[in-house]
Amino acid sequence: MTGLVPGLHGPMQRLRRRGAWMIRLPIAIFLILGGLLAVLPFFGLWMIPVGLLLIATDLPALQTPVAGAIIRGRRRVARFRRRWFG
């Protein structure tokens, strides 16, 4: 992901550090709550999975369900692309 947006490399490295849970948790909660306000212009449903990914970094109980959801989502996107774009 950071290869696609080089300006995010530094902040993403800081968020991924082991002791950064005190930063990740509030950001994740903000993203999830912001995703629930998807009717507002800035907020959107994209915020919910990003928040869940951040929380799953620190909560082992969420790692398996979130990883499974990512795998299912990628398969659905691939199937959709094959079906509609050849």
Protein backbone atom coordinates (compact mmCIF):
# COMPACT_ATOMS: atom_id res chain seq x y z
CA MET A 1 0.00 0.00 0.00
CA THR A 2 2.74 2.45 0.82
CA GLY A 3 4.28 1.77 -2.60
CA LEU A 4 1.16 3.20 -4.23
CA VAL A 5 1.22 6.36 -2.12
CA PRO A 6 4.84 7.19 -1.22
CA GLY A 7 3.84 10.03 1.12
CA LEU A 8 2.19 7.51 3.44
CA HIS A 9 5.31 5.41 3.96
CA GLY A 10 6.55 7.28 7.06
CA PRO A 11 3.19 7.53 8.87
CA MET A 12 2.36 3.89 8.09
CA GLN A 13 5.71 2.73 9.47
CA ARG A 14 5.05 4.63 12.70
CA LEU A 15 1.55 3.15 13.00
CA ARG A 16 2.84 -0.38 12.43
CA ARG A 17 5.42 -0.23 15.23
CA ARG A 18 4.83 -2.55 18.16
CA GLY A 19 4.29 0.13 20.81
CA ALA A 20 1.98 2.29 18.71
CA TRP A 21 -1.23 0.71 20.00
CA MET A 22 -2.06 3.90 21.90
CA ILE A 23 -2.15 5.73 18.58
CA ARG A 24 -3.80 2.94 16.54
CA LEU A 25 -6.73 2.32 18.87
CA PRO A 26 -8.19 5.87 18.87
CA ILE A 27 -7.63 6.19 15.12
CA ALA A 28 -9.37 2.86 14.54
CA ILE A 29 -12.33 3.82 16.73
CA PHE A 30 -12.60 7.18 14.93
CA LEU A 31 -12.55 5.43 11.54
CA ILE A 32 -15.24 2.93 12.52
CA LEU A 33 -17.49 5.61 14.01
CA GLY A 34 -16.85 7.85 11.00
CA GLY A 35 -17.85 4.99 8.71
CA LEU A 36 -21.20 4.83 10.47
CA LEU A 37 -21.69 8.48 9.47
CA ALA A 38 -21.38 7.60 5.79
CA VAL A 39 -24.17 9.99 4.81
CA LEU A 40 -21.89 12.96 5.48
CA PRO A 41 -19.63 14.11 2.61
CA PHE A 42 -16.19 13.40 4.11
CA PHE A 43 -17.07 10.16 5.85
CA GLY A 44 -17.74 6.94 4.00
CA LEU A 45 -18.11 3.21 4.30
CA TRP A 46 -14.43 2.83 3.38
CA MET A 47 -13.58 3.88 6.93
CA ILE A 48 -15.09 0.78 8.57
CA PRO A 49 -12.75 -1.85 7.06
CA VAL A 50 -9.72 0.39 7.58
CA GLY A 51 -10.66 0.81 11.25
CA LEU A 52 -11.20 -2.92 11.65
CA LEU A 53 -7.79 -3.60 10.11
CA LEU A 54 -6.15 -1.28 12.62
CA ILE A 55 -7.98 -2.84 15.58
CA ALA A 56 -7.19 -6.37 14.35
CA THR A 57 -3.51 -5.48 14.57
CA ASP A 58 -3.86 -5.35 18.37
CA LEU A 59 -6.71 -7.78 19.07
CA PRO A 60 -5.86 -11.38 18.14
CA ALA A 61 -9.53 -12.40 18.36
CA LEU A 62 -10.30 -10.17 15.37
CA GLN A 63 -7.35 -11.19 13.21
CA THR A 64 -8.92 -14.37 11.81
CA PRO A 65 -12.34 -12.87 10.95
CA VAL A 66 -10.81 -9.75 9.40
CA ALA A 67 -8.31 -11.79 7.38
CA GLY A 68 -11.14 -14.04 6.17
CA ALA A 69 -13.22 -11.02 5.16
CA ILE A 70 -10.27 -9.61 3.21
CA ILE A 71 -9.76 -12.89 1.37
CA ARG A 72 -13.49 -13.18 0.54
CA GLY A 73 -13.59 -9.57 -0.62
CA ARG A 74 -10.60 -9.98 -2.91
CA ARG A 75 -12.14 -13.11 -4.44
CA ARG A 76 -15.43 -11.29 -5.07
CA VAL A 77 -13.63 -8.37 -6.70
CA ALA A 78 -11.64 -10.74 -8.90
CA ARG A 79 -14.83 -12.61 -9.88
CA PHE A 80 -16.58 -9.31 -10.66
CA ARG A 81 -13.69 -8.12 -12.82
CA ARG A 82 -13.57 -11.40 -14.74
CA ARG A 83 -17.31 -11.32 -15.30
CA TRP A 84 -17.58 -7.69 -16.43
CA PHE A 85 -14.20 -6.86 -17.93
CA GLY A 86 -13.18 -10.11 -19.50
